[in-house]
Amino acid sequence: MPHRRLLRILAAAAALPFASSASPIVGIVDESSTDVQGLLTEFQGGTFAPTFDWLMGDVAVLAGSTGTIDTGGLLGGGNVQLGAIAIGAGSTMTFAGTRSVDVTGGTSGAGQLIITGGSHTLQGAAAHTGGTLVSGGSLVLATATSLPATGNVLTAGSSLILPNSGLGGGAVRVYAQSFTIAGTGPAAGPGSGAALILGTSTSSDSMRLNGAVTLSGNATIRFEGIDGEQRIAGAINGDAAGRVLTLEVTPDASADIVSAI
């Protein structure tokens, strides 16, 4: 069996666009290549900041450590694609910057996933137990299991998008997660104008949110879609008296709230 290549990023590495002899990295990465698929990237602290499209393999953050992928320096329309993410106990995996990180695998471990900016997509099944904090930018769930059931918090200036697309045949995508939300989303880009977006403007499929929604501040929820019905079936609560919830429905969408507010 061939040995798996390892890219190790240590705390001393403030920003490492490529492997080089001057970088505290173990492993070999071709500086002219943007394809390191199959490479395991191990964070023991520090930031990985590519300047071109970067196709990575799986990512691990060791217990008690931090790991950051910063897309702010990507040129053109570049993005970063990852495999699976393992976040150790007491550790954090942060996506920062203004571009996108596309996670094609699942998440695992007892650590926390943090989003501070950019527009990111989770495609695999999520099993990390340290919570998910979105404090800036937007996060899109490609499947109904792309976030854990609990521990999902969005602060003002961030947005979570729950698509209804890709099912066809009248099927209904059901989300069971609970969310704590606030604000009206980022000022511009995907997810702008709402903290929580249910449905996709170009899809006629339907979706249901069965988990509870808690307002930690005044918040906006927007319903999108073409003909398909987007429904909130879980409870909607505020963490304090006087919270204001604004509901928006795009012209072609159908919205339904069957829970108590």
C-alpha atoms as a PDB file:
ATOM      1  CA  MET A   1       0.000   0.000   0.000  1.00  0.00           C
ATOM      2  CA  PRO A   2       1.482   3.407  -0.918  1.00  0.00           C
ATOM      3  CA  HIS A   3       2.315   5.830   1.876  1.00  0.00           C
ATOM      4  CA  ARG A   4      -0.057   8.734   2.277  1.00  0.00           C
ATOM      5  CA  ARG A   5       1.534  12.134   1.838  1.00  0.00           C
ATOM      6  CA  LEU A   6       1.306  14.528   4.780  1.00  0.00           C
ATOM      7  CA  LEU A   7       1.250  18.321   4.841  1.00  0.00           C
ATOM      8  CA  ARG A   8       1.740  19.425   8.457  1.00  0.00           C
ATOM      9  CA  ILE A   9       1.074  23.048   9.417  1.00  0.00           C
ATOM     10  CA  LEU A  10       2.521  24.083  12.768  1.00  0.00           C
ATOM     11  CA  ALA A  11       1.697  27.020  15.008  1.00  0.00           C
ATOM     12  CA  ALA A  12       4.737  28.913  13.755  1.00  0.00           C
ATOM     13  CA  ALA A  13       3.341  28.954  10.221  1.00  0.00           C
ATOM     14  CA  ALA A  14       1.395  32.201  10.054  1.00  0.00           C
ATOM     15  CA  ALA A  15       0.383  31.922   6.390  1.00  0.00           C
ATOM     16  CA  LEU A  16       1.643  29.246   4.032  1.00  0.00           C
ATOM     17  CA  PRO A  17       0.537  29.498   0.393  1.00  0.00           C
ATOM     18  CA  PHE A  18       2.834  26.659  -0.737  1.00  0.00           C
ATOM     19  CA  ALA A  19       5.299  24.204   0.695  1.00  0.00           C
ATOM     20  CA  SER A  20       8.880  25.419   0.577  1.00  0.00           C
ATOM     21  CA  SER A  21      12.180  24.748   2.240  1.00  0.00           C
ATOM     22  CA  ALA A  22      11.569  27.755   4.492  1.00  0.00           C
ATOM     23  CA  SER A  23       8.196  26.525   5.705  1.00  0.00           C
ATOM     24  CA  PRO A  24       7.742  24.254   8.755  1.00  0.00           C
ATOM     25  CA  ILE A  25       6.004  21.570   6.699  1.00  0.00           C
ATOM     26  CA  VAL A  26       6.625  17.851   6.608  1.00  0.00           C
ATOM     27  CA  GLY A  27       5.933  16.327   3.204  1.00  0.00           C
ATOM     28  CA  ILE A  28       6.406  17.247  -0.430  1.00  0.00           C
ATOM     29  CA  VAL A  29       4.054  19.464  -2.416  1.00  0.00           C
ATOM     30  CA  ASP A  30       4.838  20.641  -5.931  1.00  0.00           C
ATOM     31  CA  GLU A  31       4.736  24.439  -5.818  1.00  0.00           C
ATOM     32  CA  SER A  32       3.557  24.575  -9.430  1.00  0.00           C
ATOM     33  CA  SER A  33       0.597  22.301  -8.732  1.00  0.00           C
ATOM     34  CA  THR A  34      -2.788  23.258  -7.327  1.00  0.00           C
ATOM     35  CA  ASP A  35      -3.867  19.632  -7.036  1.00  0.00           C
ATOM     36  CA  VAL A  36      -2.865  17.895  -3.816  1.00  0.00           C
ATOM     37  CA  GLN A  37      -5.775  15.449  -3.768  1.00  0.00           C
ATOM     38  CA  GLY A  38      -5.021  12.538  -1.483  1.00  0.00           C
ATOM     39  CA  LEU A  39      -2.758  14.661   0.702  1.00  0.00           C
ATOM     40  CA  LEU A  40      -3.614  14.694   4.408  1.00  0.00           C
ATOM     41  CA  THR A  41      -3.282  18.209   5.813  1.00  0.00           C
ATOM     42  CA  GLU A  42      -2.672  18.188   9.554  1.00  0.00           C
ATOM     43  CA  PHE A  43      -3.041  21.394  11.554  1.00  0.00           C
ATOM     44  CA  GLN A  44      -1.215  21.893  14.836  1.00  0.00           C
ATOM     45  CA  GLY A  45      -1.978  25.612  14.776  1.00  0.00           C
ATOM     46  CA  GLY A  46      -1.373  28.183  12.052  1.00  0.00           C
ATOM     47  CA  THR A  47      -3.078  29.270   8.849  1.00  0.00           C
ATOM     48  CA  PHE A  48      -3.105  27.831   5.353  1.00  0.00           C
ATOM     49  CA  ALA A  49      -3.541  30.675   2.836  1.00  0.00           C
ATOM     50  CA  PRO A  50      -3.342  29.550  -0.816  1.00  0.00           C
ATOM     51  CA  THR A  51      -3.135  32.080  -3.615  1.00  0.00           C
ATOM     52  CA  PHE A  52      -4.543  29.820  -6.364  1.00  0.00           C
ATOM     53  CA  ASP A  53      -7.285  27.183  -6.601  1.00  0.00           C
ATOM     54  CA  TRP A  54      -6.378  24.437  -4.168  1.00  0.00           C
ATOM     55  CA  LEU A  55      -7.690  20.880  -4.315  1.00  0.00           C
ATOM     56  CA  MET A  56      -6.847  19.250  -0.996  1.00  0.00           C
ATOM     57  CA  GLY A  57      -7.450  15.839   0.479  1.00  0.00           C
ATOM     58  CA  ASP A  58      -8.637  15.214   4.033  1.00  0.00           C
ATOM     59  CA  VAL A  59      -7.912  17.705   6.813  1.00  0.00           C
ATOM     60  CA  ALA A  60      -7.238  17.012  10.498  1.00  0.00           C
ATOM     61  CA  VAL A  61      -6.883  19.458  13.398  1.00  0.00           C
ATOM     62  CA  LEU A  62      -5.082  17.844  16.325  1.00  0.00           C
ATOM     63  CA  ALA A  63      -6.714  17.925  19.760  1.00  0.00           C
ATOM     64  CA  GLY A  64      -6.209  21.224  21.543  1.00  0.00           C
ATOM     65  CA  SER A  65      -4.990  22.945  18.376  1.00  0.00           C
ATOM     66  CA  THR A  66      -6.372  25.455  15.890  1.00  0.00           C
ATOM     67  CA  GLY A  67      -6.473  25.341  12.122  1.00  0.00           C
ATOM     68  CA  THR A  68      -7.453  28.097   9.692  1.00  0.00           C
ATOM     69  CA  ILE A  69      -7.960  28.078   5.934  1.00  0.00           C
ATOM     70  CA  ASP A  70      -7.924  31.673   4.717  1.00  0.00           C
ATOM     71  CA  THR A  71      -9.220  32.261   1.175  1.00  0.00           C
ATOM     72  CA  GLY A  72      -8.702  36.025   1.248  1.00  0.00           C
ATOM     73  CA  GLY A  73      -5.593  35.834  -0.932  1.00  0.00           C
ATOM     74  CA  LEU A  74      -7.040  33.674  -3.719  1.00  0.00           C
ATOM     75  CA  LEU A  75      -6.623  35.206  -7.155  1.00  0.00           C
ATOM     76  CA  GLY A  76      -9.408  35.476  -9.726  1.00  0.00           C
ATOM     77  CA  GLY A  77     -12.389  33.270  -8.979  1.00  0.00           C
ATOM     78  CA  GLY A  78     -10.404  30.691  -7.049  1.00  0.00           C
ATOM     79  CA  ASN A  79     -11.655  28.431  -4.300  1.00  0.00           C
ATOM     80  CA  VAL A  80     -10.478  25.615  -2.027  1.00  0.00           C
ATOM     81  CA  GLN A  81     -11.877  22.085  -2.098  1.00  0.00           C
ATOM     82  CA  LEU A  82     -11.400  19.658   0.788  1.00  0.00           C
ATOM     83  CA  GLY A  83     -12.215  16.032   1.507  1.00  0.00           C
ATOM     84  CA  ALA A  84     -13.279  15.071   5.032  1.00  0.00           C
ATOM     85  CA  ILE A  85     -12.490  17.118   8.158  1.00  0.00           C
ATOM     86  CA  ALA A  86     -11.552  15.653  11.560  1.00  0.00           C
ATOM     87  CA  ILE A  87     -11.607  18.253  14.350  1.00  0.00           C
ATOM     88  CA  GLY A  88      -9.981  17.054  17.565  1.00  0.00           C
ATOM     89  CA  ALA A  89     -11.325  17.651  21.073  1.00  0.00           C
ATOM     90  CA  GLY A  90     -10.786  21.222  22.231  1.00  0.00           C
ATOM     91  CA  SER A  91      -9.759  22.318  18.739  1.00  0.00           C
ATOM     92  CA  THR A  92     -11.265  24.580  16.078  1.00  0.00           C
ATOM     93  CA  MET A  93     -11.320  24.501  12.280  1.00  0.00           C
ATOM     94  CA  THR A  94     -11.895  28.002  10.863  1.00  0.00           C
ATOM     95  CA  PHE A  95     -12.772  29.076   7.317  1.00  0.00           C
ATOM     96  CA  ALA A  96     -11.821  32.723   6.859  1.00  0.00           C
ATOM     97  CA  GLY A  97     -11.467  35.109   3.940  1.00  0.00           C
ATOM     98  CA  THR A  98     -13.803  36.154   1.154  1.00  0.00           C
ATOM     99  CA  ARG A  99     -13.864  33.149  -1.217  1.00  0.00           C
ATOM    100  CA  SER A 100     -15.292  29.649  -0.885  1.00  0.00           C
ATOM    101  CA  VAL A 101     -14.290  26.378   0.734  1.00  0.00           C
ATOM    102  CA  ASP A 102     -16.145  23.337  -0.611  1.00  0.00           C
ATOM    103  CA  VAL A 103     -16.067  20.368   1.786  1.00  0.00           C
ATOM    104  CA  THR A 104     -16.891  17.224  -0.198  1.00  0.00           C
ATOM    105  CA  GLY A 105     -16.476  14.793   2.693  1.00  0.00           C
ATOM    106  CA  GLY A 106     -18.025  14.643   6.139  1.00  0.00           C
ATOM    107  CA  THR A 107     -16.938  16.094   9.464  1.00  0.00           C
ATOM    108  CA  SER A 108     -15.990  14.250  12.646  1.00  0.00           C
ATOM    109  CA  GLY A 109     -14.396  14.784  16.055  1.00  0.00           C
ATOM    110  CA  ALA A 110     -15.256  16.696  19.227  1.00  0.00           C
ATOM    111  CA  GLY A 111     -14.030  20.105  18.011  1.00  0.00           C
ATOM    112  CA  GLN A 112     -15.802  23.159  16.607  1.00  0.00           C
ATOM    113  CA  LEU A 113     -16.257  24.359  13.022  1.00  0.00           C
ATOM    114  CA  ILE A 114     -16.109  28.161  12.659  1.00  0.00           C
ATOM    115  CA  ILE A 115     -17.019  30.296   9.619  1.00  0.00           C
ATOM    116  CA  THR A 116     -15.886  33.932   9.740  1.00  0.00           C
ATOM    117  CA  GLY A 117     -16.272  34.986   6.102  1.00  0.00           C
ATOM    118  CA  GLY A 118     -16.692  33.802   2.528  1.00  0.00           C
ATOM    119  CA  SER A 119     -19.295  31.477   1.015  1.00  0.00           C
ATOM    120  CA  HIS A 120     -18.847  27.803   1.881  1.00  0.00           C
ATOM    121  CA  THR A 121     -20.581  24.498   1.155  1.00  0.00           C
ATOM    122  CA  LEU A 122     -20.771  21.325   3.248  1.00  0.00           C
ATOM    123  CA  GLN A 123     -21.592  18.260   1.136  1.00  0.00           C
ATOM    124  CA  GLY A 124     -20.967  15.259   3.371  1.00  0.00           C
ATOM    125  CA  ALA A 125     -22.582  14.007   6.571  1.00  0.00           C
ATOM    126  CA  ALA A 126     -21.609  16.027   9.648  1.00  0.00           C
ATOM    127  CA  ALA A 127     -20.678  14.267  12.892  1.00  0.00           C
ATOM    128  CA  HIS A 128     -18.519  16.822  14.743  1.00  0.00           C
ATOM    129  CA  THR A 129     -19.826  17.443  18.244  1.00  0.00           C
ATOM    130  CA  GLY A 130     -18.132  20.709  19.276  1.00  0.00           C
ATOM    131  CA  GLY A 131     -20.688  22.920  17.563  1.00  0.00           C
ATOM    132  CA  THR A 132     -20.789  25.122  14.472  1.00  0.00           C
ATOM    133  CA  LEU A 133     -20.396  28.900  14.691  1.00  0.00           C
ATOM    134  CA  VAL A 134     -21.085  31.094  11.648  1.00  0.00           C
ATOM    135  CA  SER A 135     -20.049  34.648  12.512  1.00  0.00           C
ATOM    136  CA  GLY A 136     -19.608  36.003   8.986  1.00  0.00           C
ATOM    137  CA  GLY A 137     -20.255  35.051   5.361  1.00  0.00           C
ATOM    138  CA  SER A 138     -22.614  32.262   4.342  1.00  0.00           C
ATOM    139  CA  LEU A 139     -22.841  28.493   4.691  1.00  0.00           C
ATOM    140  CA  VAL A 140     -24.770  26.227   2.301  1.00  0.00           C
ATOM    141  CA  LEU A 141     -25.866  22.705   3.232  1.00  0.00           C
ATOM    142  CA  ALA A 142     -25.756  20.425   0.182  1.00  0.00           C
ATOM    143  CA  THR A 143     -27.617  17.659   2.005  1.00  0.00           C
ATOM    144  CA  ALA A 144     -30.021  17.461   4.930  1.00  0.00           C
ATOM    145  CA  THR A 145     -27.300  15.921   7.127  1.00  0.00           C
ATOM    146  CA  SER A 146     -24.473  18.372   6.366  1.00  0.00           C
ATOM    147  CA  LEU A 147     -24.670  19.895   9.861  1.00  0.00           C
ATOM    148  CA  PRO A 148     -25.108  18.178  13.241  1.00  0.00           C
ATOM    149  CA  ALA A 149     -28.523  18.229  14.892  1.00  0.00           C
ATOM    150  CA  THR A 150     -27.536  20.714  17.614  1.00  0.00           C
ATOM    151  CA  GLY A 151     -24.940  23.367  18.437  1.00  0.00           C
ATOM    152  CA  ASN A 152     -25.477  25.436  15.278  1.00  0.00           C
ATOM    153  CA  VAL A 153     -25.159  29.183  15.986  1.00  0.00           C
ATOM    154  CA  LEU A 154     -25.316  32.107  13.529  1.00  0.00           C
ATOM    155  CA  THR A 155     -24.462  35.601  14.701  1.00  0.00           C
ATOM    156  CA  ALA A 156     -25.358  38.906  13.030  1.00  0.00           C
ATOM    157  CA  GLY A 157     -23.709  39.313   9.616  1.00  0.00           C
ATOM    158  CA  SER A 158     -23.870  35.629   8.687  1.00  0.00           C
ATOM    159  CA  SER A 159     -26.314  33.445   6.796  1.00  0.00           C
ATOM    160  CA  LEU A 160     -27.266  29.769   6.522  1.00  0.00           C
ATOM    161  CA  ILE A 161     -28.831  28.467   3.301  1.00  0.00           C
ATOM    162  CA  LEU A 162     -30.947  25.289   3.368  1.00  0.00           C
ATOM    163  CA  PRO A 163     -31.528  24.327  -0.292  1.00  0.00           C
ATOM    164  CA  ASN A 164     -34.560  22.456  -1.546  1.00  0.00           C
ATOM    165  CA  SER A 165     -32.967  21.483  -4.870  1.00  0.00           C
ATOM    166  CA  GLY A 166     -31.657  18.259  -6.336  1.00  0.00           C
ATOM    167  CA  LEU A 167     -34.424  15.864  -5.289  1.00  0.00           C
ATOM    168  CA  GLY A 168     -36.983  15.954  -8.099  1.00  0.00           C
ATOM    169  CA  GLY A 169     -40.133  13.886  -8.428  1.00  0.00           C
ATOM    170  CA  GLY A 170     -41.981  15.833  -5.758  1.00  0.00           C
ATOM    171  CA  ALA A 171     -39.670  14.644  -2.994  1.00  0.00           C
ATOM    172  CA  VAL A 172     -39.280  16.749   0.158  1.00  0.00           C
ATOM    173  CA  ARG A 173     -35.924  17.498   1.750  1.00  0.00           C
ATOM    174  CA  VAL A 174     -36.262  17.399   5.556  1.00  0.00           C
ATOM    175  CA  TYR A 175     -33.844  19.206   7.877  1.00  0.00           C
ATOM    176  CA  ALA A 176     -33.920  18.099  11.527  1.00  0.00           C
ATOM    177  CA  GLN A 177     -31.284  20.531  12.873  1.00  0.00           C
ATOM    178  CA  SER A 178     -31.936  23.259  15.408  1.00  0.00           C
ATOM    179  CA  PHE A 179     -30.435  26.727  14.883  1.00  0.00           C
ATOM    180  CA  THR A 180     -29.769  29.874  16.864  1.00  0.00           C
ATOM    181  CA  ILE A 181     -29.873  32.911  14.559  1.00  0.00           C
ATOM    182  CA  ALA A 182     -29.621  36.698  14.557  1.00  0.00           C
ATOM    183  CA  GLY A 183     -29.429  39.512  12.038  1.00  0.00           C
ATOM    184  CA  THR A 184     -30.067  39.848   8.321  1.00  0.00           C
ATOM    185  CA  GLY A 185     -27.097  37.996   6.871  1.00  0.00           C
ATOM    186  CA  PRO A 186     -24.010  39.425   5.185  1.00  0.00           C
ATOM    187  CA  ALA A 187     -24.181  42.839   3.536  1.00  0.00           C
ATOM    188  CA  ALA A 188     -23.570  41.393   0.060  1.00  0.00           C
ATOM    189  CA  GLY A 189     -23.096  38.113  -1.767  1.00  0.00           C
ATOM    190  CA  PRO A 190     -24.814  34.750  -1.212  1.00  0.00           C
ATOM    191  CA  GLY A 191     -27.133  34.805   1.762  1.00  0.00           C
ATOM    192  CA  SER A 192     -27.387  38.584   1.953  1.00  0.00           C
ATOM    193  CA  GLY A 193     -30.560  39.967   3.488  1.00  0.00           C
ATOM    194  CA  ALA A 194     -31.465  37.048   5.758  1.00  0.00           C
ATOM    195  CA  ALA A 195     -29.929  35.000   8.560  1.00  0.00           C
ATOM    196  CA  LEU A 196     -31.728  31.845   7.425  1.00  0.00           C
ATOM    197  CA  ILE A 197     -32.778  31.100   3.833  1.00  0.00           C
ATOM    198  CA  LEU A 198     -35.143  28.205   3.166  1.00  0.00           C
ATOM    199  CA  GLY A 199     -35.174  26.901  -0.400  1.00  0.00           C
ATOM    200  CA  THR A 200     -33.460  27.826  -3.654  1.00  0.00           C
ATOM    201  CA  SER A 201     -34.814  30.492  -6.003  1.00  0.00           C
ATOM    202  CA  THR A 202     -34.434  28.272  -9.101  1.00  0.00           C
ATOM    203  CA  SER A 203     -35.892  25.020  -7.681  1.00  0.00           C
ATOM    204  CA  SER A 204     -39.480  23.766  -7.599  1.00  0.00           C
ATOM    205  CA  ASP A 205     -38.734  21.129  -4.938  1.00  0.00           C
ATOM    206  CA  SER A 206     -40.009  21.393  -1.353  1.00  0.00           C
ATOM    207  CA  MET A 207     -38.270  21.347   2.008  1.00  0.00           C
ATOM    208  CA  ARG A 208     -39.136  21.139   5.709  1.00  0.00           C
ATOM    209  CA  LEU A 209     -37.288  22.452   8.740  1.00  0.00           C
ATOM    210  CA  ASN A 210     -38.342  20.312  11.686  1.00  0.00           C
ATOM    211  CA  GLY A 211     -35.750  21.579  14.156  1.00  0.00           C
ATOM    212  CA  ALA A 212     -36.233  24.500  16.523  1.00  0.00           C
ATOM    213  CA  VAL A 213     -35.169  28.053  15.647  1.00  0.00           C
ATOM    214  CA  THR A 214     -34.055  30.331  18.496  1.00  0.00           C
ATOM    215  CA  LEU A 215     -33.569  34.072  18.019  1.00  0.00           C
ATOM    216  CA  SER A 216     -30.580  35.503  19.910  1.00  0.00           C
ATOM    217  CA  GLY A 217     -31.410  38.908  18.389  1.00  0.00           C
ATOM    218  CA  ASN A 218     -33.801  40.345  15.824  1.00  0.00           C
ATOM    219  CA  ALA A 219     -33.576  38.172  12.705  1.00  0.00           C
ATOM    220  CA  THR A 220     -34.871  37.691   9.166  1.00  0.00           C
ATOM    221  CA  ILE A 221     -35.874  34.374   7.563  1.00  0.00           C
ATOM    222  CA  ARG A 222     -36.432  34.279   3.788  1.00  0.00           C
ATOM    223  CA  PHE A 223     -38.377  31.660   1.816  1.00  0.00           C
ATOM    224  CA  GLU A 224     -37.309  31.012  -1.792  1.00  0.00           C
ATOM    225  CA  GLY A 225     -38.358  28.610  -4.559  1.00  0.00           C
ATOM    226  CA  ILE A 226     -40.590  28.083  -7.569  1.00  0.00           C
ATOM    227  CA  ASP A 227     -43.947  26.526  -6.632  1.00  0.00           C
ATOM    228  CA  GLY A 228     -42.419  24.087  -4.120  1.00  0.00           C
ATOM    229  CA  GLU A 229     -43.500  24.571  -0.513  1.00  0.00           C
ATOM    230  CA  GLN A 230     -40.932  25.612   2.112  1.00  0.00           C
ATOM    231  CA  ARG A 231     -42.158  24.848   5.635  1.00  0.00           C
ATOM    232  CA  ILE A 232     -40.990  25.538   9.167  1.00  0.00           C
ATOM    233  CA  ALA A 233     -42.437  22.840  11.420  1.00  0.00           C
ATOM    234  CA  GLY A 234     -40.220  23.256  14.473  1.00  0.00           C
ATOM    235  CA  ALA A 235     -40.724  25.728  17.309  1.00  0.00           C
ATOM    236  CA  ILE A 236     -39.595  29.356  16.899  1.00  0.00           C
ATOM    237  CA  ASN A 237     -38.500  31.054  20.122  1.00  0.00           C
ATOM    238  CA  GLY A 238     -36.545  34.047  21.363  1.00  0.00           C
ATOM    239  CA  ASP A 239     -33.859  33.826  24.019  1.00  0.00           C
ATOM    240  CA  ALA A 240     -35.246  37.034  25.541  1.00  0.00           C
ATOM    241  CA  ALA A 241     -38.442  39.066  25.400  1.00  0.00           C
ATOM    242  CA  GLY A 242     -38.906  41.537  22.549  1.00  0.00           C
ATOM    243  CA  ARG A 243     -37.076  39.635  19.785  1.00  0.00           C
ATOM    244  CA  VAL A 244     -38.433  40.564  16.339  1.00  0.00           C
ATOM    245  CA  LEU A 245     -38.677  37.979  13.551  1.00  0.00           C
ATOM    246  CA  THR A 246     -39.103  39.225   9.976  1.00  0.00           C
ATOM    247  CA  LEU A 247     -40.376  36.748   7.378  1.00  0.00           C
ATOM    248  CA  GLU A 248     -39.756  37.358   3.677  1.00  0.00           C
ATOM    249  CA  VAL A 249     -41.235  35.349   0.795  1.00  0.00           C
ATOM    250  CA  THR A 250     -39.893  35.758  -2.743  1.00  0.00           C
ATOM    251  CA  PRO A 251     -42.575  36.215  -5.452  1.00  0.00           C
ATOM    252  CA  ASP A 252     -42.630  32.600  -6.717  1.00  0.00           C
ATOM    253  CA  ALA A 253     -42.123  30.858  -3.370  1.00  0.00           C
ATOM    254  CA  SER A 254     -44.693  29.161  -1.180  1.00  0.00           C
ATOM    255  CA  ALA A 255     -44.145  29.483   2.579  1.00  0.00           C
ATOM    256  CA  ASP A 256     -45.791  27.609   5.432  1.00  0.00           C
ATOM    257  CA  ILE A 257     -45.212  27.899   9.182  1.00  0.00           C
ATOM    258  CA  VAL A 258     -46.982  25.279  11.245  1.00  0.00           C
ATOM    259  CA  SER A 259     -45.054  25.800  14.496  1.00  0.00           C
ATOM    260  CA  ALA A 260     -45.779  28.037  17.433  1.00  0.00           C
ATOM    261  CA  ILE A 261     -43.984  31.372  17.525  1.00  0.00           C
END
